[in-house]
Structures are given as structure tokens and as C-alpha cells.
């Protein structure tokens, strides 16, 4: 069996952009070939940096940690809701999601493109001006009984502490995990829908979230030998 893999991840690197409320990203070379024959880096960053998953514990006291969630829950049929273009700080409403993903079914994964994934840099626009999912849209997704929600920015609720907290609480309290910091390529946008999505988290025990490598799996080919 052969898969064509479309990478949706954002890179992590020294000084890279991240949520402004989190510590700066640092990647230091602490060993190199010239000195000891080995290369190694020391990373200092929050667990919610780059492409990452939010578990219920991220917002809910006593909620499930990322290591308590079954791996199979992070893969499944997905649809891309392309909302581009959006104005800065747009509040994303249910009707916008419904227009962009009219055939969304229960237990599917919705991946939302705002366009801010293409703006990714440590700028005022990217850090503080992104569109944000509204509580009404979060409740609509709960009613649709989706499995997970992805978005192409560091925060699904934007730089709006009250809105962000409300949206995370609505989704996570209903078992809907969140994957943030996606990157939609032309290949991803051209993929047939629904498409298989996979974002397996690093096994960080009892953590509220973890880095992941989100991908789309397309063009599955079965060989003559099975």
C-alpha cells in the first residue's frame, strides 16, 4: 500500500514565532562534530508551540491529558473549510463554516484555513490580528459532533483572552481536540474531500498538549501483490 503524504506542519526553529504569552522558542547547538563528533540541540519551548494538539487538560481541570487519549482519535476523515480571504480579527460564525464545509458529518475532522498560516512571522498582524472562532461556531461544531478541529494559527480563539477561553472550553469539554498552527499548501487545498488526516502527538506523559506532525494521506494505491 502506498500513500502520498501532504505535510501540514509549521517548522520550529530558534527564535521562531509562537503564542506571545509563551516563552520564546530557543534551539541551541550544545554539541557539534568539531568538538566531540556528535551534533545535538537543546530545545526550550512550550508544549503548545508550532503544530501541536490541545488535550482537554489544557483548559479543563481534571481533563484528559494528551497521553491518556487514544492515538486512533487523532486520525480520520477530514474536510478543509477555506475561509480566505478574511479580515483581521474576524469573528468566524457558524454560517461561514457551513458554507465552506457543507457536507461535514459527525465524527469528521474540520480543518479551517484563515490565511494566517501564510502570514506566519513574529509580526503584529500574525501575533494579535488573526481571525477567531466564535463561541457560536464552537457550539455549532459540537452539534455537528465532529472529532477534532484544526486551524492555521497559534490560537483558535485569537488574541482575545475571553473569547479564546470560551471557545477552548466549549470544544474541549465535549471531547473535541484542537490542532493549531497548520500550514495549507496548494496540494492540500487541491486534495479531494473528505481526505484522511493524521496528527500523532509526541508521547508527553500527563501533558496538556504536545507537538505533532499533521499530514493528509492521499492517492492510496494498492499493489498487485496486495
Protein backbone atom coordinates (compact mmCIF):
# COMPACT_ATOMS: atom_id res chain seq x y z
CA UNK A 1 0.00 0.00 0.00
CA UNK A 2 1.39 3.41 -0.97
CA UNK A 3 0.38 6.82 0.35
CA UNK A 4 1.01 10.30 -0.94
CA UNK A 5 1.72 12.44 2.11
CA UNK A 6 0.93 16.17 2.21
CA UNK A 7 2.65 17.92 5.11
CA UNK A 8 0.52 20.49 7.01
CA UNK A 9 3.09 21.27 9.72
CA UNK A 10 4.80 24.54 10.59
CA UNK A 11 8.53 24.39 11.41
CA UNK A 12 10.01 25.01 14.86
CA UNK A 13 13.31 26.88 14.92
CA UNK A 14 15.36 29.19 17.14
CA UNK A 15 13.52 32.48 17.65
CA UNK A 16 10.56 31.21 15.66
CA UNK A 17 7.08 32.70 16.02
CA UNK A 18 4.78 31.38 18.74
CA UNK A 19 1.98 32.47 21.05
CA UNK A 20 3.12 35.78 22.56
CA UNK A 21 2.03 34.61 26.03
CA UNK A 22 4.51 31.72 25.88
CA UNK A 23 8.31 31.68 26.43
CA UNK A 24 10.43 32.48 23.36
CA UNK A 25 11.47 29.50 21.27
CA UNK A 26 15.12 28.58 21.67
CA UNK A 27 17.13 25.92 19.86
CA UNK A 28 20.80 25.85 20.91
CA UNK A 29 23.53 23.65 19.48
CA UNK A 30 25.11 22.19 22.62
CA UNK A 31 27.36 19.65 20.90
CA UNK A 32 28.87 19.65 17.42
CA UNK A 33 31.03 17.41 15.29
CA UNK A 34 34.15 19.56 15.50
CA UNK A 35 34.30 19.31 19.30
CA UNK A 36 33.06 15.82 20.09
CA UNK A 37 31.98 14.05 16.94
CA UNK A 38 28.25 14.38 17.65
CA UNK A 39 25.63 17.01 16.88
CA UNK A 40 22.87 17.78 19.43
CA UNK A 41 20.46 20.64 20.09
CA UNK A 42 18.80 21.80 23.32
CA UNK A 43 15.21 22.98 22.87
CA UNK A 44 13.42 25.40 25.20
CA UNK A 45 9.79 25.89 24.27
CA UNK A 46 6.22 25.45 25.47
CA UNK A 47 4.39 22.23 24.69
CA UNK A 48 1.91 24.34 22.67
CA UNK A 49 4.45 25.54 20.09
CA UNK A 50 4.40 25.09 16.33
CA UNK A 51 1.99 22.45 15.05
CA UNK A 52 0.54 20.99 18.23
CA UNK A 53 -2.51 19.34 19.77
CA UNK A 54 -4.60 20.60 22.68
CA UNK A 55 -5.97 17.96 25.06
CA UNK A 56 -8.89 18.70 27.43
CA UNK A 57 -6.39 19.20 30.29
CA UNK A 58 -5.20 22.36 28.52
CA UNK A 59 -8.33 24.20 29.72
CA UNK A 60 -10.25 21.81 31.98
CA UNK A 61 -9.12 20.94 35.48
CA UNK A 62 -9.07 17.17 35.67
CA UNK A 63 -9.47 16.82 31.89
CA UNK A 64 -7.75 14.09 29.92
CA UNK A 65 -4.06 14.61 29.20
CA UNK A 66 -2.55 14.07 25.77
CA UNK A 67 -1.05 10.73 26.86
CA UNK A 68 -4.45 9.47 28.01
CA UNK A 69 -6.07 9.95 24.62
CA UNK A 70 -6.02 7.01 22.16
CA UNK A 71 -3.80 7.55 19.12
CA UNK A 72 -6.57 6.48 16.76
CA UNK A 73 -8.62 9.51 17.80
CA UNK A 74 -6.10 11.78 16.04
CA UNK A 75 -6.71 10.36 12.59
CA UNK A 76 -9.80 10.19 10.44
CA UNK A 77 -11.78 11.70 7.58
CA UNK A 78 -11.28 15.46 7.32
CA UNK A 79 -12.70 18.38 5.38
CA UNK A 80 -10.99 21.70 4.73
CA UNK A 81 -13.04 24.85 5.26
CA UNK A 82 -11.24 27.50 3.20
CA UNK A 83 -12.41 30.88 4.55
CA UNK A 84 -9.82 33.02 2.75
CA UNK A 85 -9.99 35.97 2.45
CA UNK A 86 -10.80 37.10 5.99
CA UNK A 87 -10.30 40.50 7.54
CA UNK A 88 -8.14 40.82 10.68
CA UNK A 89 -9.93 39.90 13.92
CA UNK A 90 -12.90 38.48 12.03
CA UNK A 91 -15.22 36.51 14.30
CA UNK A 92 -15.87 33.25 12.43
CA UNK A 93 -19.57 32.38 12.53
CA UNK A 94 -21.43 29.08 12.03
CA UNK A 95 -22.80 30.10 8.63
CA UNK A 96 -19.28 30.69 7.29
CA UNK A 97 -18.20 27.20 8.32
CA UNK A 98 -21.37 25.68 6.90
CA UNK A 99 -20.84 27.37 3.54
CA UNK A 100 -17.20 26.29 3.40
CA UNK A 101 -17.85 22.71 4.56
CA UNK A 102 -21.48 21.97 3.63
CA UNK A 103 -21.06 18.19 3.79
CA UNK A 104 -19.45 18.00 7.24
CA UNK A 105 -20.54 14.81 9.01
CA UNK A 106 -20.40 13.55 12.57
CA UNK A 107 -17.02 12.14 13.66
CA UNK A 108 -15.18 14.00 10.91
CA UNK A 109 -12.33 16.46 11.44
CA UNK A 110 -12.69 20.05 10.28
CA UNK A 111 -9.55 21.93 9.20
CA UNK A 112 -10.03 25.70 8.96
CA UNK A 113 -7.91 27.92 6.72
CA UNK A 114 -7.94 31.60 7.72
CA UNK A 115 -4.87 32.61 5.70
CA UNK A 116 -2.84 33.45 8.80
CA UNK A 117 -0.73 30.33 8.30
CA UNK A 118 0.81 32.05 5.27
CA UNK A 119 1.49 35.17 7.36
CA UNK A 120 3.47 33.25 9.99
CA UNK A 121 6.17 35.52 11.40
CA UNK A 122 6.74 37.47 14.57
CA UNK A 123 4.67 40.45 13.44
CA UNK A 124 1.80 42.40 14.99
CA UNK A 125 -0.53 41.09 12.28
CA UNK A 126 0.25 37.42 12.90
CA UNK A 127 0.52 37.65 16.67
CA UNK A 128 -2.50 39.79 17.51
CA UNK A 129 -4.77 40.33 14.49
CA UNK A 130 -5.86 36.84 13.46
CA UNK A 131 -9.47 35.83 12.85
CA UNK A 132 -11.06 33.92 15.72
CA UNK A 133 -13.61 31.17 16.05
CA UNK A 134 -16.75 32.49 17.75
CA UNK A 135 -18.46 30.66 20.63
CA UNK A 136 -21.49 30.26 18.35
CA UNK A 137 -19.31 28.47 15.79
CA UNK A 138 -17.80 26.27 18.51
CA UNK A 139 -21.31 25.30 19.67
CA UNK A 140 -22.29 24.56 16.07
CA UNK A 141 -19.32 22.19 15.77
CA UNK A 142 -20.40 20.47 18.99
CA UNK A 143 -23.86 19.98 17.47
CA UNK A 144 -22.23 18.52 14.36
CA UNK A 145 -20.41 16.06 16.67
CA UNK A 146 -17.04 16.47 14.97
CA UNK A 147 -13.98 14.58 16.18
CA UNK A 148 -11.39 17.36 16.01
CA UNK A 149 -10.79 20.91 14.83
CA UNK A 150 -7.68 22.32 13.16
CA UNK A 151 -6.72 25.90 12.35
CA UNK A 152 -3.76 27.68 10.74
CA UNK A 153 -2.86 29.97 13.64
CA UNK A 154 -1.37 29.69 17.12
CA UNK A 155 -4.79 30.23 18.75
CA UNK A 156 -8.21 29.01 17.63
CA UNK A 157 -9.83 31.83 19.60
CA UNK A 158 -7.40 34.55 18.52
CA UNK A 159 -5.70 37.15 20.69
CA UNK A 160 -8.86 37.66 22.74
CA UNK A 161 -8.45 36.04 26.15
CA UNK A 162 -12.16 35.83 26.97
CA UNK A 163 -13.17 34.52 23.54
CA UNK A 164 -10.25 32.09 23.39
CA UNK A 165 -11.03 30.66 26.83
CA UNK A 166 -14.71 30.24 25.97
CA UNK A 167 -14.04 28.54 22.62
CA UNK A 168 -11.47 26.14 24.11
CA UNK A 169 -13.82 25.28 26.97
CA UNK A 170 -16.74 24.54 24.64
CA UNK A 171 -14.73 22.31 22.33
CA UNK A 172 -12.54 20.51 24.84
CA UNK A 173 -15.38 19.88 27.31
CA UNK A 174 -17.14 17.95 24.54
CA UNK A 175 -14.10 15.83 23.70
CA UNK A 176 -13.20 17.76 20.54
CA UNK A 177 -9.42 18.04 20.37
CA UNK A 178 -7.78 21.05 18.72
CA UNK A 179 -4.76 21.14 16.44
CA UNK A 180 -3.24 24.60 15.95
CA UNK A 181 -0.58 26.02 13.64
CA UNK A 182 -1.41 24.20 10.42
CA UNK A 183 0.01 25.15 7.02
CA UNK A 184 -2.21 24.74 3.98
CA UNK A 185 -0.27 24.19 0.76
CA UNK A 186 -1.78 24.30 -2.75
CA UNK A 187 -1.55 20.49 -2.74
CA UNK A 188 -3.59 20.32 0.47
CA UNK A 189 -6.25 22.65 -0.90
CA UNK A 190 -6.49 20.59 -4.10
CA UNK A 191 -6.96 17.29 -2.27
CA UNK A 192 -10.30 15.57 -2.72
CA UNK A 193 -12.64 15.71 0.25
CA UNK A 194 -13.07 14.06 2.58
CA UNK A 195 -9.38 13.30 2.92
CA UNK A 196 -7.57 11.22 5.54
CA UNK A 197 -5.92 13.39 8.21
CA UNK A 198 -3.38 12.29 10.79
CA UNK A 199 -1.67 14.23 13.60
CA UNK A 200 0.06 11.92 16.05
CA UNK A 201 1.27 13.66 19.23
CA UNK A 202 4.65 13.16 20.84
CA UNK A 203 4.18 10.93 23.91
CA UNK A 204 4.45 13.59 26.61
CA UNK A 205 3.13 11.90 29.73
CA UNK A 206 0.38 13.79 31.59
CA UNK A 207 0.84 16.93 29.47
CA UNK A 208 -1.92 19.30 28.36
CA UNK A 209 -0.80 19.09 24.75
CA UNK A 210 2.04 18.02 22.52
CA UNK A 211 3.81 18.76 19.27
CA UNK A 212 2.62 16.74 16.31
CA UNK A 213 3.21 16.27 12.58
CA UNK A 214 -0.14 16.90 10.86
CA UNK A 215 -0.46 15.36 7.41
CA UNK A 216 -3.00 14.45 4.76
CA UNK A 217 -2.83 10.95 3.24
CA UNK A 218 -3.96 10.88 -0.38
CA UNK A 219 -3.74 8.77 -3.53
CA UNK A 220 -3.77 5.42 -1.78
CA UNK A 221 -2.54 2.78 -4.21
CA UNK A 222 -2.84 -0.97 -3.54
CA UNK A 223 -0.14 -3.01 -5.25
CA UNK A 224 -0.92 -6.09 -7.37
CA UNK A 225 0.53 -8.22 -4.58
CA UNK A 226 -1.93 -6.75 -2.07
